[in-house]
Amino acid sequence: MKALSLQVTYRKGKPIAAYLYLPRQPGDKADSTKEPVEGLLVDYAGDGRPIGIEIRSPGYVSIEQINQVLDDLGIGRIPAEELGPLRAA
């Protein structure tokens, strides 16, 4: 996967969790996880590359916090409209 991809899990029309897939190679699996910001967990492949961000409470984590983590990882910010599903319903 070369692009970012967002998967959101809903319950009764409200987002309860989400996962932001980061660019990864086929077969990549999470080897370790770190929590740079409360509510955001970054998964790392065995070679230390970040491969995904778990968003544990989409309603309590801001888009700015997500973009700051992406900046810190060297991935760069994504437009707020790409994260719009986190604010749906």
Protein backbone atom coordinates (compact mmCIF):
# COMPACT_ATOMS: atom_id res chain seq x y z
CA MET A 1 0.00 0.00 0.00
CA LYS A 2 1.50 3.32 -1.01
CA ALA A 3 -1.16 5.73 0.23
CA LEU A 4 -2.80 6.47 3.55
CA SER A 5 -6.10 4.72 4.19
CA LEU A 6 -8.57 5.34 7.01
CA GLN A 7 -10.85 2.64 8.41
CA VAL A 8 -13.52 3.74 10.89
CA THR A 9 -15.66 1.50 13.09
CA TYR A 10 -19.10 2.86 13.97
CA ARG A 11 -21.68 1.92 16.56
CA LYS A 12 -25.15 3.45 16.39
CA GLY A 13 -23.90 5.93 13.79
CA LYS A 14 -21.01 7.25 15.91
CA PRO A 15 -17.33 6.50 15.32
CA ILE A 16 -15.94 4.42 18.18
CA ALA A 17 -12.50 3.54 16.83
CA ALA A 18 -10.40 4.06 13.75
CA TYR A 19 -7.18 2.90 12.14
CA LEU A 20 -5.06 5.01 9.82
CA TYR A 21 -3.03 2.71 7.60
CA LEU A 22 0.32 4.24 6.69
CA PRO A 23 2.38 3.32 3.64
CA ARG A 24 3.56 -0.25 4.11
CA GLN A 25 5.10 -3.16 2.32
CA PRO A 26 3.34 -6.47 1.63
CA GLY A 27 3.53 -8.72 4.67
CA ASP A 28 4.22 -5.92 7.16
CA LYS A 29 2.92 -6.69 10.64
CA ALA A 30 3.02 -4.71 13.85
CA ASP A 31 6.07 -5.67 15.91
CA SER A 32 5.79 -2.91 18.50
CA THR A 33 3.42 -0.14 19.53
CA LYS A 34 3.96 3.26 21.14
CA GLU A 35 1.50 5.87 22.42
CA PRO A 36 2.91 9.30 21.45
CA VAL A 37 -0.34 11.06 22.42
CA GLU A 38 -3.10 9.79 24.69
CA GLY A 39 -5.59 7.93 22.53
CA LEU A 40 -3.25 7.41 19.56
CA LEU A 41 -1.21 4.22 19.24
CA VAL A 42 1.44 3.94 16.52
CA ASP A 43 2.26 0.46 15.21
CA TYR A 44 5.78 -0.21 13.95
CA ALA A 45 7.07 -2.96 11.66
CA GLY A 46 10.02 -5.08 12.76
CA ASP A 47 12.46 -2.72 11.06
CA GLY A 48 11.08 0.31 12.94
CA ARG A 49 8.94 1.82 10.18
CA PRO A 50 5.56 3.20 11.33
CA ILE A 51 2.80 1.26 9.56
CA GLY A 52 -0.41 2.44 11.22
CA ILE A 53 -2.06 4.61 13.84
CA GLU A 54 -4.88 3.30 16.00
CA ILE A 55 -7.28 6.09 17.00
CA ARG A 56 -8.89 4.74 20.13
CA SER A 57 -11.46 7.50 20.71
CA PRO A 58 -12.08 9.45 17.50
CA GLY A 59 -14.37 11.91 19.25
CA TYR A 60 -11.67 12.93 21.74
CA VAL A 61 -8.61 13.11 19.52
CA SER A 62 -8.26 16.17 17.34
CA ILE A 63 -7.27 16.21 13.70
CA GLU A 64 -4.43 18.53 14.75
CA GLN A 65 -3.11 15.86 17.15
CA ILE A 66 -3.22 13.23 14.40
CA ASN A 67 -1.41 15.54 12.00
CA GLN A 68 1.20 16.37 14.64
CA VAL A 69 1.94 12.66 15.09
CA LEU A 70 2.18 12.27 11.30
CA ASP A 71 4.61 15.21 11.21
CA ASP A 72 6.67 13.68 14.02
CA LEU A 73 6.83 10.39 12.08
CA GLY A 74 8.05 12.25 8.99
CA ILE A 75 4.96 11.34 6.97
CA GLY A 76 3.49 14.80 6.66
CA ARG A 77 0.03 16.15 7.32
CA ILE A 78 -3.11 15.03 5.57
CA PRO A 79 -5.99 17.37 4.77
CA ALA A 80 -8.73 17.58 7.41
CA GLU A 81 -11.34 16.48 4.86
CA GLU A 82 -9.50 13.13 4.53
CA LEU A 83 -10.15 12.59 8.23
CA GLY A 84 -13.76 13.79 7.97
CA PRO A 85 -15.27 10.36 8.66
CA LEU A 86 -13.92 10.64 12.22
CA ARG A 87 -16.34 13.51 12.81
CA ALA A 88 -19.34 11.97 11.04
CA ALA A 89 -22.69 11.59 12.77
